[in-house]
Amino acid sequence: MLWIKLFLSLVNELITKYKRTEADQSAIQGSLDQQRTEQIEIHNTVDQHDEQLEALMEWKEQQMKETKGILEKLVAVEKTLCEELLNRVEGVEESLGEVEESLGGVEESLGGVKSHISQTDERVKQLEENVRDLGMKDERAEASPMETFDVKTCRSKLAEHYKRTTKVPTSVWSKKSPVHIHQIYTRLSLVKEEQTPEGSSQSELTHYTDVFTANENGAPIGYSCKGRRG
């Protein structure tokens, strides 16, 4: 009976060890399964990172292509603008040369008009002197209507003639808007304004020295000048 008890105890011990071994194997299998799951997750994460990195590289390459295209367009626009600017500068220089030539022609025309007017004044003076000489020599003789020479009428006709012809073009590139030479300049006048109990009064001065005229008591008068610009 003793050996039966020993056998039973041995069997029980083996069964216990087997159960422990099964428990250890289950724990090891669970750990292996967990490690496999973690490895699968790591592989998935690496794959996602690879996909993201590949997408990022493609986006970066696309951005570089777009930037290169924009730079090429900017270079082409800059070249076009430089050429257009050079052409415009050359056109402006040519226009300035034409304007200078036109101004030179206008100055020559004005010089000719002035010389013509001075020659006409000299001729009129000579005619007046001749008429005076003739009048002094033949004061008592009655002149016929054909021989009568009116200097004032001649002068007025000449003045009217040159009033119609002495016009200056206001534009160097157009001759459609001539203006008489006397209309180019503005005639100025000095006006004296005084404050009185009745109000302010204005009077035009005959000469610019009237500004410095003393008052009734002999004291100098303070003054200020004002007017429109130009």
Protein backbone atom coordinates (compact mmCIF):
# COMPACT_ATOMS: atom_id res chain seq x y z
CA MET A 1 0.00 0.00 0.00
CA LEU A 2 2.95 2.26 0.54
CA TRP A 3 4.08 2.24 -3.03
CA ILE A 4 0.52 3.12 -4.11
CA LYS A 5 0.59 6.21 -1.92
CA LEU A 6 3.99 7.16 -3.31
CA PHE A 7 2.71 6.67 -6.82
CA LEU A 8 -0.37 8.80 -6.16
CA SER A 9 1.68 11.56 -4.59
CA LEU A 10 4.05 11.45 -7.55
CA VAL A 11 1.11 11.67 -9.94
CA ASN A 12 -0.37 14.57 -8.01
CA GLU A 13 2.98 16.37 -8.08
CA LEU A 14 3.28 15.79 -11.83
CA ILE A 15 -0.24 17.06 -12.36
CA THR A 16 0.56 20.15 -10.30
CA LYS A 17 3.77 20.80 -12.26
CA TYR A 18 1.86 20.28 -15.50
CA LYS A 19 -0.77 22.81 -14.47
CA ARG A 20 1.98 25.26 -13.50
CA THR A 21 3.71 24.67 -16.83
CA GLU A 22 0.41 25.25 -18.69
CA ALA A 23 -0.12 28.49 -16.73
CA ASP A 24 3.45 29.61 -17.53
CA GLN A 25 2.95 28.70 -21.20
CA SER A 26 -0.34 30.65 -21.27
CA ALA A 27 1.41 33.68 -19.74
CA ILE A 28 4.27 33.36 -22.23
CA GLN A 29 1.80 32.98 -25.11
CA GLY A 30 -0.09 36.05 -23.92
CA SER A 31 3.15 38.01 -23.74
CA LEU A 32 4.10 36.80 -27.23
CA ASP A 33 0.67 37.79 -28.56
CA GLN A 34 1.00 41.22 -26.95
CA GLN A 35 4.47 41.66 -28.44
CA ARG A 36 3.15 40.63 -31.84
CA THR A 37 0.30 43.11 -31.52
CA GLU A 38 2.72 45.84 -30.56
CA GLN A 39 4.98 44.94 -33.48
CA ILE A 40 1.99 45.08 -35.86
CA GLU A 41 1.03 48.50 -34.46
CA ILE A 42 4.63 49.71 -34.82
CA HIS A 43 4.70 48.49 -38.43
CA ASN A 44 1.41 50.27 -39.12
CA THR A 45 2.73 53.45 -37.53
CA VAL A 46 5.95 53.23 -39.57
CA ASP A 47 3.91 52.69 -42.72
CA GLN A 48 1.75 55.74 -41.91
CA HIS A 49 4.87 57.84 -41.27
CA ASP A 50 6.34 56.64 -44.56
CA GLU A 51 3.15 57.60 -46.40
CA GLN A 52 3.09 61.00 -44.69
CA LEU A 53 6.77 61.55 -45.48
CA GLU A 54 6.22 60.58 -49.11
CA ALA A 55 3.23 62.95 -49.36
CA LEU A 56 5.29 65.70 -47.76
CA MET A 57 8.11 65.17 -50.25
CA GLU A 58 5.66 65.26 -53.17
CA TRP A 59 4.11 68.51 -51.81
CA LYS A 60 7.56 70.01 -51.36
CA GLU A 61 8.55 69.08 -54.91
CA GLN A 62 5.30 70.60 -56.23
CA GLN A 63 5.93 73.80 -54.28
CA MET A 64 9.45 74.00 -55.69
CA LYS A 65 8.11 73.61 -59.24
CA GLU A 66 5.49 76.34 -58.64
CA THR A 67 8.11 78.65 -57.10
CA LYS A 68 10.42 78.08 -60.07
CA GLY A 69 7.59 78.88 -62.48
CA ILE A 70 6.75 82.08 -60.58
CA LEU A 71 10.41 83.17 -60.61
CA GLU A 72 10.62 82.56 -64.37
CA LYS A 73 7.47 84.65 -64.90
CA LEU A 74 8.84 87.45 -62.71
CA VAL A 75 12.11 87.47 -64.66
CA ALA A 76 10.18 87.66 -67.95
CA VAL A 77 7.97 90.50 -66.62
CA GLU A 78 11.03 92.39 -65.36
CA LYS A 79 12.72 92.05 -68.76
CA THR A 80 9.57 93.26 -70.55
CA LEU A 81 9.19 96.22 -68.19
CA CYS A 82 12.85 97.21 -68.64
CA GLU A 83 12.51 97.11 -72.43
CA GLU A 84 9.28 99.13 -72.31
CA LEU A 85 10.83 101.66 -69.93
CA LEU A 86 13.85 102.07 -72.22
CA ASN A 87 11.55 102.58 -75.21
CA ARG A 88 9.51 105.18 -73.32
CA VAL A 89 12.64 107.01 -72.20
CA GLU A 90 13.88 107.12 -75.77
CA GLY A 91 10.48 108.41 -76.90
CA VAL A 92 10.51 111.11 -74.21
CA GLU A 93 14.02 112.16 -75.23
CA GLU A 94 12.93 112.41 -78.86
CA SER A 95 9.85 114.42 -77.83
CA LEU A 96 12.03 116.76 -75.77
CA GLY A 97 14.30 117.25 -78.76
CA GLU A 98 11.32 118.11 -80.94
CA VAL A 99 10.01 120.50 -78.27
CA GLU A 100 13.38 122.22 -78.06
CA GLU A 101 13.45 122.59 -81.84
CA SER A 102 9.91 124.00 -81.79
CA LEU A 103 10.85 126.43 -79.02
CA GLY A 104 13.84 127.52 -81.07
CA GLY A 105 11.54 128.15 -84.03
CA VAL A 106 9.13 130.14 -81.84
CA GLU A 107 11.98 132.24 -80.47
CA GLU A 108 13.21 132.91 -83.99
CA SER A 109 9.66 133.87 -85.04
CA LEU A 110 9.34 136.24 -82.07
CA GLY A 111 12.72 137.74 -82.88
CA GLY A 112 11.63 138.28 -86.48
CA VAL A 113 8.34 139.85 -85.34
CA LYS A 114 10.15 142.18 -82.94
CA SER A 115 12.65 143.21 -85.59
CA HIS A 116 9.80 143.76 -88.07
CA ILE A 117 7.95 145.92 -85.53
CA SER A 118 11.07 147.96 -84.80
CA GLN A 119 11.69 148.44 -88.53
CA THR A 120 8.06 149.52 -88.96
CA ASP A 121 8.41 152.02 -86.09
CA GLU A 122 11.51 153.45 -87.71
CA ARG A 123 9.72 153.75 -91.05
CA VAL A 124 6.76 155.49 -89.41
CA LYS A 125 9.13 157.93 -87.72
CA GLN A 126 10.85 158.60 -91.02
CA LEU A 127 7.47 159.19 -92.66
CA GLU A 128 6.52 161.61 -89.87
CA GLU A 129 9.76 163.50 -90.32
CA ASN A 130 9.23 163.62 -94.07
CA VAL A 131 5.69 164.90 -93.58
CA ARG A 132 6.90 167.54 -91.16
CA ASP A 133 9.58 168.64 -93.62
CA LEU A 134 7.03 168.87 -96.38
CA GLY A 135 4.66 170.78 -94.12
CA MET A 136 7.35 173.28 -93.16
CA LYS A 137 8.34 173.82 -96.81
CA ASP A 138 4.81 174.22 -98.11
CA GLU A 139 2.65 175.43 -95.24
CA ARG A 140 0.61 177.78 -97.38
CA ALA A 141 0.13 175.47 -100.37
CA GLU A 142 -3.09 173.56 -100.47
CA ALA A 143 -2.54 169.90 -101.07
CA SER A 144 -4.85 167.94 -103.35
CA PRO A 145 -6.78 164.95 -101.90
CA MET A 146 -4.47 162.55 -103.75
CA GLU A 147 -1.33 164.14 -102.25
CA THR A 148 -2.63 164.25 -98.63
CA PHE A 149 -0.88 161.76 -96.33
CA ASP A 150 -2.41 161.14 -92.87
CA VAL A 151 0.26 159.80 -90.51
CA LYS A 152 -2.21 158.90 -87.76
CA THR A 153 -4.32 156.86 -90.16
CA CYS A 154 -1.23 155.06 -91.43
CA ARG A 155 -0.09 154.36 -87.89
CA SER A 156 -3.48 153.03 -86.86
CA LYS A 157 -3.64 150.78 -89.94
CA LEU A 158 -0.17 149.45 -89.24
CA ALA A 159 -1.10 148.89 -85.59
CA GLU A 160 -4.26 147.02 -86.60
CA HIS A 161 -2.25 144.95 -89.05
CA TYR A 162 0.28 143.88 -86.46
CA LYS A 163 -2.43 143.33 -83.87
CA ARG A 164 -3.86 140.71 -86.22
CA THR A 165 -0.53 139.15 -87.13
CA THR A 166 1.58 139.29 -83.95
CA LYS A 167 0.16 136.17 -82.32
CA VAL A 168 2.16 133.57 -80.44
CA PRO A 169 1.22 129.85 -80.36
CA THR A 170 0.49 128.68 -76.81
CA SER A 171 1.42 125.09 -77.61
CA VAL A 172 4.70 124.03 -79.18
CA TRP A 173 3.12 120.97 -80.79
CA SER A 174 -0.03 122.66 -82.12
CA LYS A 175 -0.59 125.85 -84.11
CA LYS A 176 -4.37 125.94 -83.67
CA SER A 177 -4.48 128.14 -80.55
CA PRO A 178 -2.45 131.34 -81.15
CA VAL A 179 -2.77 134.17 -78.61
CA HIS A 180 -1.85 137.81 -79.03
CA ILE A 181 1.48 138.65 -77.46
CA HIS A 182 -0.06 141.30 -75.18
CA GLN A 183 -2.52 138.74 -73.78
CA ILE A 184 0.21 136.46 -72.49
CA TYR A 185 1.29 138.83 -69.74
CA THR A 186 -0.94 139.94 -66.86
CA ARG A 187 -1.28 143.63 -66.16
CA LEU A 188 -0.87 144.39 -62.45
CA SER A 189 -2.14 147.29 -60.39
CA LEU A 190 -1.56 148.52 -56.83
CA VAL A 191 -4.67 149.15 -54.74
CA LYS A 192 -4.58 151.02 -51.45
CA GLU A 193 -7.04 149.81 -48.80
CA GLU A 194 -7.78 151.90 -45.69
CA GLN A 195 -9.93 151.16 -42.68
CA THR A 196 -12.25 154.03 -41.73
CA PRO A 197 -15.12 154.32 -39.23
CA GLU A 198 -17.51 153.94 -42.17
CA GLY A 199 -15.72 150.81 -43.38
CA SER A 200 -12.87 149.87 -45.68
CA SER A 201 -12.14 151.97 -48.75
CA GLN A 202 -9.98 151.14 -51.75
CA SER A 203 -8.22 153.40 -54.22
CA GLU A 204 -5.82 152.55 -57.05
CA LEU A 205 -2.32 154.01 -56.76
CA THR A 206 -0.91 155.92 -59.69
CA HIS A 207 2.69 154.98 -58.90
CA TYR A 208 4.38 152.40 -56.72
CA THR A 209 6.20 155.15 -54.75
CA ASP A 210 2.82 156.21 -53.32
CA VAL A 211 3.10 153.24 -50.98
CA PHE A 212 5.84 155.03 -49.03
CA THR A 213 3.96 158.35 -48.74
CA ALA A 214 3.72 159.65 -45.17
CA ASN A 215 0.39 160.42 -43.52
CA GLU A 216 -0.97 163.86 -42.64
CA ASN A 217 1.19 164.09 -39.50
CA GLY A 218 4.37 163.30 -41.42
CA ALA A 219 4.79 159.82 -39.88
CA PRO A 220 5.47 156.88 -42.19
CA ILE A 221 2.58 154.54 -42.79
CA GLY A 222 2.88 150.81 -42.13
CA TYR A 223 1.87 148.71 -45.09
CA SER A 224 1.48 145.09 -46.15
CA CYS A 225 1.24 143.70 -49.66
CA LYS A 226 -1.11 140.89 -50.61
CA GLY A 227 -2.42 139.43 -53.82
CA ARG A 228 -3.04 136.30 -55.80
CA ARG A 229 -0.05 134.08 -56.54
CA GLY A 230 1.39 134.10 -60.04
